[in-house]
Amino acid sequence: MFEFLHHDLEQRAELQGISMADVLDLPEPLSTAIKRMVRGRSVLLSEFAADLGLSSDEARALGVVLAEKGYLIYAERKHSDEEIYRARFARVQGRNLPAAIWETLDT
């Protein structure tokens, strides 16, 4: 499983953060693991490894690739060696609404 996920991630382009479409495009179990982070939760390396069904070393290697590709942000805990992973969200693009939007909605 590790080789498959690692190879898949290496083939992906770098992002400046993820959208839900990006998460849904990931293979399982990676998609499910990242959805957990998208729900606003930071995840410990041990939890990330358990979600993926991989060893801590394999999960750490995937975490490094995911951070390099712009999917995740990771940092070490202050009182432990264990990393914490969070989803890195893409910036929302502003929308240019027409000046007559209210007139359009009133009809």
PDB file of N, CA and C in Angstrom:
ATOM      1  N   MET A   1       0.834  -1.198   0.000  1.00  0.00           N
ATOM      2  CA  MET A   1       0.000   0.000   0.000  1.00  0.00           C
ATOM      3  C   MET A   1       0.872   1.253   0.000  1.00  0.00           C
ATOM      4  N   PHE A   2       1.942   1.240   0.805  1.00  0.00           N
ATOM      5  CA  PHE A   2       2.810   2.405   0.879  1.00  0.00           C
ATOM      6  C   PHE A   2       3.371   2.770  -0.495  1.00  0.00           C
ATOM      7  N   GLU A   3       3.872   1.774  -1.213  1.00  0.00           N
ATOM      8  CA  GLU A   3       4.482   2.041  -2.522  1.00  0.00           C
ATOM      9  C   GLU A   3       3.460   2.664  -3.477  1.00  0.00           C
ATOM     10  N   PHE A   4       2.233   2.127  -3.463  1.00  0.00           N
ATOM     11  CA  PHE A   4       1.167   2.643  -4.324  1.00  0.00           C
ATOM     12  C   PHE A   4       0.871   4.108  -4.002  1.00  0.00           C
ATOM     13  N   LEU A   5       0.675   4.420  -2.710  1.00  0.00           N
ATOM     14  CA  LEU A   5       0.347   5.792  -2.306  1.00  0.00           C
ATOM     15  C   LEU A   5       1.505   6.748  -2.591  1.00  0.00           C
ATOM     16  N   HIS A   6       2.711   6.308  -2.287  1.00  0.00           N
ATOM     17  CA  HIS A   6       3.887   7.151  -2.518  1.00  0.00           C
ATOM     18  C   HIS A   6       4.038   7.463  -4.007  1.00  0.00           C
ATOM     19  N   HIS A   7       3.897   6.460  -4.840  1.00  0.00           N
ATOM     20  CA  HIS A   7       4.011   6.659  -6.284  1.00  0.00           C
ATOM     21  C   HIS A   7       2.921   7.604  -6.792  1.00  0.00           C
ATOM     22  N   ASP A   8       1.694   7.412  -6.334  1.00  0.00           N
ATOM     23  CA  ASP A   8       0.582   8.269  -6.742  1.00  0.00           C
ATOM     24  C   ASP A   8       0.861   9.725  -6.366  1.00  0.00           C
ATOM     25  N   LEU A   9       1.339   9.957  -5.157  1.00  0.00           N
ATOM     26  CA  LEU A   9       1.612  11.322  -4.705  1.00  0.00           C
ATOM     27  C   LEU A   9       2.763  11.956  -5.474  1.00  0.00           C
ATOM     28  N   GLU A  10       3.773  11.177  -5.776  1.00  0.00           N
ATOM     29  CA  GLU A  10       4.925  11.708  -6.521  1.00  0.00           C
ATOM     30  C   GLU A  10       4.516  12.185  -7.910  1.00  0.00           C
ATOM     31  N   GLN A  11       3.473  11.582  -8.483  1.00  0.00           N
ATOM     32  CA  GLN A  11       3.025  11.945  -9.825  1.00  0.00           C
ATOM     33  C   GLN A  11       2.156  13.198  -9.839  1.00  0.00           C
ATOM     34  N   ARG A  12       1.689  13.631  -8.696  1.00  0.00           N
ATOM     35  CA  ARG A  12       0.783  14.784  -8.622  1.00  0.00           C
ATOM     36  C   ARG A  12       1.553  16.105  -8.653  1.00  0.00           C
ATOM     37  N   ALA A  13       0.900  17.118  -9.186  1.00  0.00           N
ATOM     38  CA  ALA A  13       1.482  18.462  -9.238  1.00  0.00           C
ATOM     39  C   ALA A  13       1.434  19.098  -7.856  1.00  0.00           C
ATOM     40  N   GLU A  14       2.321  20.054  -7.630  1.00  0.00           N
ATOM     41  CA  GLU A  14       2.297  20.806  -6.376  1.00  0.00           C
ATOM     42  C   GLU A  14       1.094  21.736  -6.361  1.00  0.00           C
ATOM     43  N   LEU A  15       0.520  21.908  -5.179  1.00  0.00           N
ATOM     44  CA  LEU A  15      -0.636  22.781  -4.989  1.00  0.00           C
ATOM     45  C   LEU A  15      -0.289  23.863  -3.982  1.00  0.00           C
ATOM     46  N   GLN A  16      -1.053  24.907  -3.981  1.00  0.00           N
ATOM     47  CA  GLN A  16      -0.937  25.949  -2.962  1.00  0.00           C
ATOM     48  C   GLN A  16      -2.066  25.768  -1.956  1.00  0.00           C
ATOM     49  N   GLY A  17      -2.269  24.554  -1.513  1.00  0.00           N
ATOM     50  CA  GLY A  17      -3.361  24.215  -0.614  1.00  0.00           C
ATOM     51  C   GLY A  17      -4.365  23.354  -1.352  1.00  0.00           C
ATOM     52  N   ILE A  18      -5.242  22.726  -0.585  1.00  0.00           N
ATOM     53  CA  ILE A  18      -6.193  21.784  -1.178  1.00  0.00           C
ATOM     54  C   ILE A  18      -7.622  22.297  -1.112  1.00  0.00           C
ATOM     55  N   SER A  19      -8.402  21.767  -2.017  1.00  0.00           N
ATOM     56  CA  SER A  19      -9.847  21.980  -2.002  1.00  0.00           C
ATOM     57  C   SER A  19     -10.478  20.607  -1.755  1.00  0.00           C
ATOM     58  N   MET A  20     -11.757  20.576  -1.539  1.00  0.00           N
ATOM     59  CA  MET A  20     -12.424  19.291  -1.316  1.00  0.00           C
ATOM     60  C   MET A  20     -12.325  18.420  -2.563  1.00  0.00           C
ATOM     61  N   ALA A  21     -12.331  19.017  -3.739  1.00  0.00           N
ATOM     62  CA  ALA A  21     -12.179  18.247  -4.976  1.00  0.00           C
ATOM     63  C   ALA A  21     -10.830  17.530  -5.001  1.00  0.00           C
ATOM     64  N   ASP A  22      -9.787  18.192  -4.518  1.00  0.00           N
ATOM     65  CA  ASP A  22      -8.465  17.568  -4.450  1.00  0.00           C
ATOM     66  C   ASP A  22      -8.473  16.378  -3.500  1.00  0.00           C
ATOM     67  N   VAL A  23      -9.138  16.534  -2.373  1.00  0.00           N
ATOM     68  CA  VAL A  23      -9.206  15.454  -1.384  1.00  0.00           C
ATOM     69  C   VAL A  23      -9.943  14.255  -1.961  1.00  0.00           C
ATOM     70  N   LEU A  24     -11.057  14.508  -2.635  1.00  0.00           N
ATOM     71  CA  LEU A  24     -11.843  13.407  -3.200  1.00  0.00           C
ATOM     72  C   LEU A  24     -11.123  12.700  -4.332  1.00  0.00           C
ATOM     73  N   ASP A  25     -10.153  13.362  -4.946  1.00  0.00           N
ATOM     74  CA  ASP A  25      -9.380  12.774  -6.035  1.00  0.00           C
ATOM     75  C   ASP A  25      -8.271  11.849  -5.530  1.00  0.00           C
ATOM     76  N   LEU A  26      -7.961  11.905  -4.245  1.00  0.00           N
ATOM     77  CA  LEU A  26      -6.909  11.058  -3.682  1.00  0.00           C
ATOM     78  C   LEU A  26      -7.386   9.610  -3.554  1.00  0.00           C
ATOM     79  N   PRO A  27      -6.472   8.651  -3.652  1.00  0.00           N
ATOM     80  CA  PRO A  27      -6.855   7.250  -3.481  1.00  0.00           C
ATOM     81  C   PRO A  27      -7.149   6.948  -2.012  1.00  0.00           C
ATOM     82  N   GLU A  28      -7.954   5.928  -1.790  1.00  0.00           N
ATOM     83  CA  GLU A  28      -8.197   5.452  -0.424  1.00  0.00           C
ATOM     84  C   GLU A  28      -6.974   4.682   0.028  1.00  0.00           C
ATOM     85  N   PRO A  29      -6.635   4.688   1.271  1.00  0.00           N
ATOM     86  CA  PRO A  29      -7.263   5.309   2.438  1.00  0.00           C
ATOM     87  C   PRO A  29      -6.802   6.740   2.682  1.00  0.00           C
ATOM     88  N   LEU A  30      -6.000   7.287   1.787  1.00  0.00           N
ATOM     89  CA  LEU A  30      -5.474   8.638   1.953  1.00  0.00           C
ATOM     90  C   LEU A  30      -6.589   9.681   1.954  1.00  0.00           C
ATOM     91  N   SER A  31      -7.570   9.503   1.087  1.00  0.00           N
ATOM     92  CA  SER A  31      -8.689  10.435   1.022  1.00  0.00           C
ATOM     93  C   SER A  31      -9.418  10.514   2.368  1.00  0.00           C
ATOM     94  N   THR A  32      -9.674   9.367   2.961  1.00  0.00           N
ATOM     95  CA  THR A  32     -10.369   9.323   4.252  1.00  0.00           C
ATOM     96  C   THR A  32      -9.528   9.969   5.346  1.00  0.00           C
ATOM     97  N   ALA A  33      -8.234   9.713   5.351  1.00  0.00           N
ATOM     98  CA  ALA A  33      -7.348  10.286   6.367  1.00  0.00           C
ATOM     99  C   ALA A  33      -7.304  11.815   6.263  1.00  0.00           C
ATOM    100  N   ILE A  34      -7.262  12.334   5.050  1.00  0.00           N
ATOM    101  CA  ILE A  34      -7.211  13.793   4.867  1.00  0.00           C
ATOM    102  C   ILE A  34      -8.571  14.421   5.187  1.00  0.00           C
ATOM    103  N   LYS A  35      -9.660  13.726   4.880  1.00  0.00           N
ATOM    104  CA  LYS A  35     -10.995  14.242   5.232  1.00  0.00           C
ATOM    105  C   LYS A  35     -11.093  14.454   6.738  1.00  0.00           C
ATOM    106  N   ARG A  36     -10.467  13.588   7.495  1.00  0.00           N
ATOM    107  CA  ARG A  36     -10.468  13.722   8.957  1.00  0.00           C
ATOM    108  C   ARG A  36      -9.805  15.043   9.357  1.00  0.00           C
ATOM    109  N   MET A  37      -8.725  15.386   8.659  1.00  0.00           N
ATOM    110  CA  MET A  37      -8.039  16.645   8.937  1.00  0.00           C
ATOM    111  C   MET A  37      -8.854  17.841   8.458  1.00  0.00           C
ATOM    112  N   VAL A  38      -9.545  17.691   7.344  1.00  0.00           N
ATOM    113  CA  VAL A  38     -10.359  18.779   6.794  1.00  0.00           C
ATOM    114  C   VAL A  38     -11.470  19.165   7.762  1.00  0.00           C
ATOM    115  N   ARG A  39     -11.918  18.227   8.515  1.00  0.00           N
ATOM    116  CA  ARG A  39     -12.986  18.502   9.485  1.00  0.00           C
ATOM    117  C   ARG A  39     -12.499  19.374  10.640  1.00  0.00           C
ATOM    118  N   GLY A  40     -11.290  19.905  10.501  1.00  0.00           N
ATOM    119  CA  GLY A  40     -10.803  20.855  11.495  1.00  0.00           C
ATOM    120  C   GLY A  40      -9.960  20.258  12.584  1.00  0.00           C
ATOM    121  N   ARG A  41      -9.506  19.060  12.380  1.00  0.00           N
ATOM    122  CA  ARG A  41      -8.756  18.393  13.414  1.00  0.00           C
ATOM    123  C   ARG A  41      -7.291  18.253  13.050  1.00  0.00           C
ATOM    124  N   SER A  42      -6.431  18.548  13.965  1.00  0.00           N
ATOM    125  CA  SER A  42      -5.029  18.192  13.810  1.00  0.00           C
ATOM    126  C   SER A  42      -4.911  16.714  14.149  1.00  0.00           C
ATOM    127  N   VAL A  43      -4.021  16.027  13.467  1.00  0.00           N
ATOM    128  CA  VAL A  43      -3.883  14.588  13.646  1.00  0.00           C
ATOM    129  C   VAL A  43      -2.434  14.264  13.980  1.00  0.00           C
ATOM    130  N   LEU A  44      -2.235  13.459  14.998  1.00  0.00           N
ATOM    131  CA  LEU A  44      -0.903  12.997  15.355  1.00  0.00           C
ATOM    132  C   LEU A  44      -0.404  11.990  14.333  1.00  0.00           C
ATOM    133  N   LEU A  45       0.909  11.858  14.227  1.00  0.00           N
ATOM    134  CA  LEU A  45       1.509  10.894  13.316  1.00  0.00           C
ATOM    135  C   LEU A  45       0.974   9.494  13.570  1.00  0.00           C
ATOM    136  N   SER A  46       0.844   9.104  14.823  1.00  0.00           N
ATOM    137  CA  SER A  46       0.352   7.757  15.148  1.00  0.00           C
ATOM    138  C   SER A  46      -1.079   7.562  14.646  1.00  0.00           C
ATOM    139  N   GLU A  47      -1.919   8.599  14.733  1.00  0.00           N
ATOM    140  CA  GLU A  47      -3.293   8.517  14.234  1.00  0.00           C
ATOM    141  C   GLU A  47      -3.299   8.456  12.707  1.00  0.00           C
ATOM    142  N   PHE A  48      -2.451   9.261  12.072  1.00  0.00           N
ATOM    143  CA  PHE A  48      -2.337   9.274  10.618  1.00  0.00           C
ATOM    144  C   PHE A  48      -1.909   7.893  10.124  1.00  0.00           C
ATOM    145  N   ALA A  49      -0.920   7.301  10.792  1.00  0.00           N
ATOM    146  CA  ALA A  49      -0.442   5.965  10.427  1.00  0.00           C
ATOM    147  C   ALA A  49      -1.555   4.934  10.586  1.00  0.00           C
ATOM    148  N   ALA A  50      -2.311   5.020  11.671  1.00  0.00           N
ATOM    149  CA  ALA A  50      -3.411   4.075  11.895  1.00  0.00           C
ATOM    150  C   ALA A  50      -4.494   4.239  10.828  1.00  0.00           C
ATOM    151  N   ASP A  51      -4.823   5.484  10.466  1.00  0.00           N
ATOM    152  CA  ASP A  51      -5.821   5.726   9.423  1.00  0.00           C
ATOM    153  C   ASP A  51      -5.401   5.113   8.093  1.00  0.00           C
ATOM    154  N   LEU A  52      -4.092   5.159   7.822  1.00  0.00           N
ATOM    155  CA  LEU A  52      -3.578   4.637   6.554  1.00  0.00           C
ATOM    156  C   LEU A  52      -3.255   3.146   6.615  1.00  0.00           C
ATOM    157  N   GLY A  53      -3.185   2.586   7.822  1.00  0.00           N
ATOM    158  CA  GLY A  53      -2.807   1.190   7.966  1.00  0.00           C
ATOM    159  C   GLY A  53      -1.334   0.967   7.655  1.00  0.00           C
ATOM    160  N   LEU A  54      -0.507   1.967   7.987  1.00  0.00           N
ATOM    161  CA  LEU A  54       0.920   1.920   7.696  1.00  0.00           C
ATOM    162  C   LEU A  54       1.720   2.081   8.981  1.00  0.00           C
ATOM    163  N   SER A  55       3.020   1.824   8.895  1.00  0.00           N
ATOM    164  CA  SER A  55       3.900   2.065  10.035  1.00  0.00           C
ATOM    165  C   SER A  55       4.098   3.570  10.191  1.00  0.00           C
ATOM    166  N   SER A  56       4.611   3.976  11.338  1.00  0.00           N
ATOM    167  CA  SER A  56       4.867   5.398  11.574  1.00  0.00           C
ATOM    168  C   SER A  56       5.887   5.951  10.586  1.00  0.00           C
ATOM    169  N   ASP A  57       6.912   5.158  10.274  1.00  0.00           N
ATOM    170  CA  ASP A  57       7.930   5.620   9.323  1.00  0.00           C
ATOM    171  C   ASP A  57       7.341   5.817   7.931  1.00  0.00           C
ATOM    172  N   GLU A  58       6.475   4.900   7.500  1.00  0.00           N
ATOM    173  CA  GLU A  58       5.837   5.031   6.186  1.00  0.00           C
ATOM    174  C   GLU A  58       4.894   6.228   6.161  1.00  0.00           C
ATOM    175  N   ALA A  59       4.112   6.402   7.235  1.00  0.00           N
ATOM    176  CA  ALA A  59       3.190   7.538   7.312  1.00  0.00           C
ATOM    177  C   ALA A  59       3.962   8.853   7.337  1.00  0.00           C
ATOM    178  N   ARG A  60       5.094   8.888   8.040  1.00  0.00           N
ATOM    179  CA  ARG A  60       5.932  10.088   8.082  1.00  0.00           C
ATOM    180  C   ARG A  60       6.444  10.418   6.683  1.00  0.00           C
ATOM    181  N   ALA A  61       6.877   9.397   5.937  1.00  0.00           N
ATOM    182  CA  ALA A  61       7.373   9.616   4.569  1.00  0.00           C
ATOM    183  C   ALA A  61       6.269  10.173   3.676  1.00  0.00           C
ATOM    184  N   LEU A  62       5.058   9.654   3.811  1.00  0.00           N
ATOM    185  CA  LEU A  62       3.932  10.194   3.031  1.00  0.00           C
ATOM    186  C   LEU A  62       3.602  11.610   3.474  1.00  0.00           C
ATOM    187  N   GLY A  63       3.692  11.878   4.781  1.00  0.00           N
ATOM    188  CA  GLY A  63       3.439  13.222   5.293  1.00  0.00           C
ATOM    189  C   GLY A  63       4.410  14.244   4.716  1.00  0.00           C
ATOM    190  N   VAL A  64       5.666  13.835   4.560  1.00  0.00           N
ATOM    191  CA  VAL A  64       6.667  14.732   3.968  1.00  0.00           C
ATOM    192  C   VAL A  64       6.302  15.043   2.522  1.00  0.00           C
ATOM    193  N   VAL A  65       5.915  14.029   1.761  1.00  0.00           N
ATOM    194  CA  VAL A  65       5.539  14.248   0.354  1.00  0.00           C
ATOM    195  C   VAL A  65       4.283  15.115   0.274  1.00  0.00           C
ATOM    196  N   LEU A  66       3.304  14.832   1.130  1.00  0.00           N
ATOM    197  CA  LEU A  66       2.074  15.623   1.132  1.00  0.00           C
ATOM    198  C   LEU A  66       2.339  17.081   1.486  1.00  0.00           C
ATOM    199  N   ALA A  67       3.271  17.330   2.396  1.00  0.00           N
ATOM    200  CA  ALA A  67       3.630  18.712   2.745  1.00  0.00           C
ATOM    201  C   ALA A  67       4.357  19.374   1.581  1.00  0.00           C
ATOM    202  N   GLU A  68       5.255  18.646   0.936  1.00  0.00           N
ATOM    203  CA  GLU A  68       5.970  19.195  -0.217  1.00  0.00           C
ATOM    204  C   GLU A  68       5.022  19.520  -1.363  1.00  0.00           C
ATOM    205  N   LYS A  69       3.986  18.716  -1.528  1.00  0.00           N
ATOM    206  CA  LYS A  69       3.023  18.920  -2.612  1.00  0.00           C
ATOM    207  C   LYS A  69       1.964  19.961  -2.263  1.00  0.00           C
ATOM    208  N   GLY A  70       1.941  20.440  -1.023  1.00  0.00           N
ATOM    209  CA  GLY A  70       1.008  21.495  -0.637  1.00  0.00           C
ATOM    210  C   GLY A  70      -0.307  21.013  -0.062  1.00  0.00           C
ATOM    211  N   TYR A  71      -0.405  19.734   0.279  1.00  0.00           N
ATOM    212  CA  TYR A  71      -1.638  19.189   0.829  1.00  0.00           C
ATOM    213  C   TYR A  71      -1.728  19.371   2.350  1.00  0.00           C
ATOM    214  N   LEU A  72      -0.585  19.250   3.023  1.00  0.00           N
ATOM    215  CA  LEU A  72      -0.570  19.268   4.482  1.00  0.00           C
ATOM    216  C   LEU A  72       0.431  20.271   5.020  1.00  0.00           C
ATOM    217  N   ILE A  73       0.227  20.593   6.291  1.00  0.00           N
ATOM    218  CA  ILE A  73       1.180  21.342   7.097  1.00  0.00           C
ATOM    219  C   ILE A  73       1.507  20.429   8.266  1.00  0.00           C
ATOM    220  N   TYR A  74       2.779  20.315   8.593  1.00  0.00           N
ATOM    221  CA  TYR A  74       3.111  19.517   9.759  1.00  0.00           C
ATOM    222  C   TYR A  74       4.113  20.240  10.647  1.00  0.00           C
ATOM    223  N   ALA A  75       4.068  19.878  11.915  1.00  0.00           N
ATOM    224  CA  ALA A  75       4.973  20.472  12.898  1.00  0.00           C
ATOM    225  C   ALA A  75       5.189  19.455  14.002  1.00  0.00           C
ATOM    226  N   GLU A  76       6.270  19.611  14.748  1.00  0.00           N
ATOM    227  CA  GLU A  76       6.511  18.730  15.882  1.00  0.00           C
ATOM    228  C   GLU A  76       5.800  19.259  17.112  1.00  0.00           C
ATOM    229  N   ARG A  77       5.359  18.343  17.944  1.00  0.00           N
ATOM    230  CA  ARG A  77       4.774  18.737  19.219  1.00  0.00           C
ATOM    231  C   ARG A  77       5.873  19.265  20.119  1.00  0.00           C
ATOM    232  N   LYS A  78       5.532  20.159  20.976  1.00  0.00           N
ATOM    233  CA  LYS A  78       6.528  20.753  21.863  1.00  0.00           C
ATOM    234  C   LYS A  78       7.048  19.772  22.913  1.00  0.00           C
ATOM    235  N   HIS A  79       6.212  18.859  23.369  1.00  0.00           N
ATOM    236  CA  HIS A  79       6.599  17.955  24.442  1.00  0.00           C
ATOM    237  C   HIS A  79       6.814  16.530  23.956  1.00  0.00           C
ATOM    238  N   SER A  80       6.978  16.355  22.655  1.00  0.00           N
ATOM    239  CA  SER A  80       7.113  15.010  22.093  1.00  0.00           C
ATOM    240  C   SER A  80       7.791  15.112  20.734  1.00  0.00           C
ATOM    241  N   ASP A  81       8.260  13.985  20.245  1.00  0.00           N
ATOM    242  CA  ASP A  81       8.861  13.955  18.908  1.00  0.00           C
ATOM    243  C   ASP A  81       7.805  13.768  17.832  1.00  0.00           C
ATOM    244  N   GLU A  82       6.598  13.439  18.234  1.00  0.00           N
ATOM    245  CA  GLU A  82       5.568  13.075  17.265  1.00  0.00           C
ATOM    246  C   GLU A  82       5.046  14.294  16.516  1.00  0.00           C
ATOM    247  N   GLU A  83       4.976  14.157  15.196  1.00  0.00           N
ATOM    248  CA  GLU A  83       4.487  15.247  14.365  1.00  0.00           C
ATOM    249  C   GLU A  83       2.978  15.387  14.468  1.00  0.00           C
ATOM    250  N   ILE A  84       2.517  16.591  14.169  1.00  0.00           N
ATOM    251  CA  ILE A  84       1.091  16.884  14.066  1.00  0.00           C
ATOM    252  C   ILE A  84       0.847  17.320  12.626  1.00  0.00           C
ATOM    253  N   TYR A  85      -0.196  16.782  12.024  1.00  0.00           N
ATOM    254  CA  TYR A  85      -0.539  17.107  10.635  1.00  0.00           C
ATOM    255  C   TYR A  85      -1.865  17.850  10.591  1.00  0.00           C
ATOM    256  N   ARG A  86      -1.919  18.846   9.707  1.00  0.00           N
ATOM    257  CA  ARG A  86      -3.159  19.580   9.449  1.00  0.00           C
ATOM    258  C   ARG A  86      -3.300  19.759   7.951  1.00  0.00           C
ATOM    259  N   ALA A  87      -4.528  19.836   7.496  1.00  0.00           N
ATOM    260  CA  ALA A  87      -4.778  20.097   6.082  1.00  0.00           C
ATOM    261  C   ALA A  87      -4.371  21.536   5.773  1.00  0.00           C
ATOM    262  N   ARG A  88      -3.805  21.735   4.601  1.00  0.00           N
ATOM    263  CA  ARG A  88      -3.462  23.083   4.124  1.00  0.00           C
ATOM    264  C   ARG A  88      -4.498  23.460   3.082  1.00  0.00           C
ATOM    265  N   PHE A  89      -5.331  24.406   3.410  1.00  0.00           N
ATOM    266  CA  PHE A  89      -6.437  24.781   2.533  1.00  0.00           C
ATOM    267  C   PHE A  89      -6.009  25.795   1.482  1.00  0.00           C
ATOM    268  N   ALA A  90      -6.567  25.639   0.298  1.00  0.00           N
ATOM    269  CA  ALA A  90      -6.329  26.596  -0.783  1.00  0.00           C
ATOM    270  C   ALA A  90      -7.065  27.891  -0.459  1.00  0.00           C
ATOM    271  N   ARG A  91      -6.526  28.991  -0.929  1.00  0.00           N
ATOM    272  CA  ARG A  91      -7.212  30.274  -0.748  1.00  0.00           C
ATOM    273  C   ARG A  91      -8.444  30.302  -1.632  1.00  0.00           C
ATOM    274  N   VAL A  92      -9.492  30.851  -1.095  1.00  0.00           N
ATOM    275  CA  VAL A  92     -10.732  30.971  -1.850  1.00  0.00           C
ATOM    276  C   VAL A  92     -10.596  32.173  -2.772  1.00  0.00           C
ATOM    277  N   GLN A  93     -10.877  31.952  -4.024  1.00  0.00           N
ATOM    278  CA  GLN A  93     -10.805  33.025  -5.001  1.00  0.00           C
ATOM    279  C   GLN A  93     -12.031  33.921  -4.863  1.00  0.00           C
ATOM    280  N   GLY A  94     -11.820  35.225  -4.914  1.00  0.00           N
ATOM    281  CA  GLY A  94     -12.932  36.169  -4.852  1.00  0.00           C
ATOM    282  C   GLY A  94     -13.794  36.060  -6.102  1.00  0.00           C
ATOM    283  N   ARG A  95     -15.025  36.385  -5.956  1.00  0.00           N
ATOM    284  CA  ARG A  95     -15.936  36.335  -7.103  1.00  0.00           C
ATOM    285  C   ARG A  95     -16.347  37.749  -7.467  1.00  0.00           C
ATOM    286  N   ASN A  96     -16.313  38.044  -8.731  1.00  0.00           N
ATOM    287  CA  ASN A  96     -16.772  39.341  -9.213  1.00  0.00           C
ATOM    288  C   ASN A  96     -18.245  39.228  -9.564  1.00  0.00           C
ATOM    289  N   LEU A  97     -19.067  39.862  -8.753  1.00  0.00           N
ATOM    290  CA  LEU A  97     -20.508  39.831  -8.998  1.00  0.00           C
ATOM    291  C   LEU A  97     -20.893  41.023  -9.864  1.00  0.00           C
ATOM    292  N   PRO A  98     -21.851  40.819 -10.749  1.00  0.00           N
ATOM    293  CA  PRO A  98     -22.284  41.936 -11.586  1.00  0.00           C
ATOM    294  C   PRO A  98     -22.894  43.045 -10.730  1.00  0.00           C
ATOM    295  N   ALA A  99     -22.736  44.287 -11.187  1.00  0.00           N
ATOM    296  CA  ALA A  99     -23.258  45.444 -10.454  1.00  0.00           C
ATOM    297  C   ALA A  99     -24.772  45.384 -10.314  1.00  0.00           C
ATOM    298  N   ALA A 100     -25.439  44.771 -11.264  1.00  0.00           N
ATOM    299  CA  ALA A 100     -26.901  44.717 -11.253  1.00  0.00           C
ATOM    300  C   ALA A 100     -27.418  43.418 -10.620  1.00  0.00           C
ATOM    301  N   ILE A 101     -26.657  42.837  -9.714  1.00  0.00           N
ATOM    302  CA  ILE A 101     -27.064  41.556  -9.123  1.00  0.00           C
ATOM    303  C   ILE A 101     -28.406  41.667  -8.407  1.00  0.00           C
ATOM    304  N   TRP A 102     -28.632  42.737  -7.668  1.00  0.00           N
ATOM    305  CA  TRP A 102     -29.889  42.877  -6.931  1.00  0.00           C
ATOM    306  C   TRP A 102     -31.067  43.034  -7.875  1.00  0.00           C
ATOM    307  N   GLU A 103     -30.870  43.742  -8.962  1.00  0.00           N
ATOM    308  CA  GLU A 103     -31.937  43.890  -9.938  1.00  0.00           C
ATOM    309  C   GLU A 103     -32.260  42.535 -10.561  1.00  0.00           C
ATOM    310  N   THR A 104     -31.263  41.760 -10.827  1.00  0.00           N
ATOM    311  CA  THR A 104     -31.453  40.444 -11.400  1.00  0.00           C
ATOM    312  C   THR A 104     -32.203  39.536 -10.431  1.00  0.00           C
ATOM    313  N   LEU A 105     -31.872  39.618  -9.178  1.00  0.00           N
ATOM    314  CA  LEU A 105     -32.537  38.773  -8.165  1.00  0.00           C
ATOM    315  C   LEU A 105     -33.962  39.214  -7.892  1.00  0.00           C
ATOM    316  N   ASP A 106     -34.278  40.478  -8.087  1.00  0.00           N
ATOM    317  CA  ASP A 106     -35.635  40.971  -7.846  1.00  0.00           C
ATOM    318  C   ASP A 106     -36.607  40.513  -8.918  1.00  0.00           C
ATOM    319  N   THR A 107     -36.139  40.098 -10.068  1.00  0.00           N
ATOM    320  CA  THR A 107     -37.071  39.721 -11.135  1.00  0.00           C
ATOM    321  C   THR A 107     -37.480  38.291 -11.026  1.00  0.00           C
TER     322      THR A 107
END
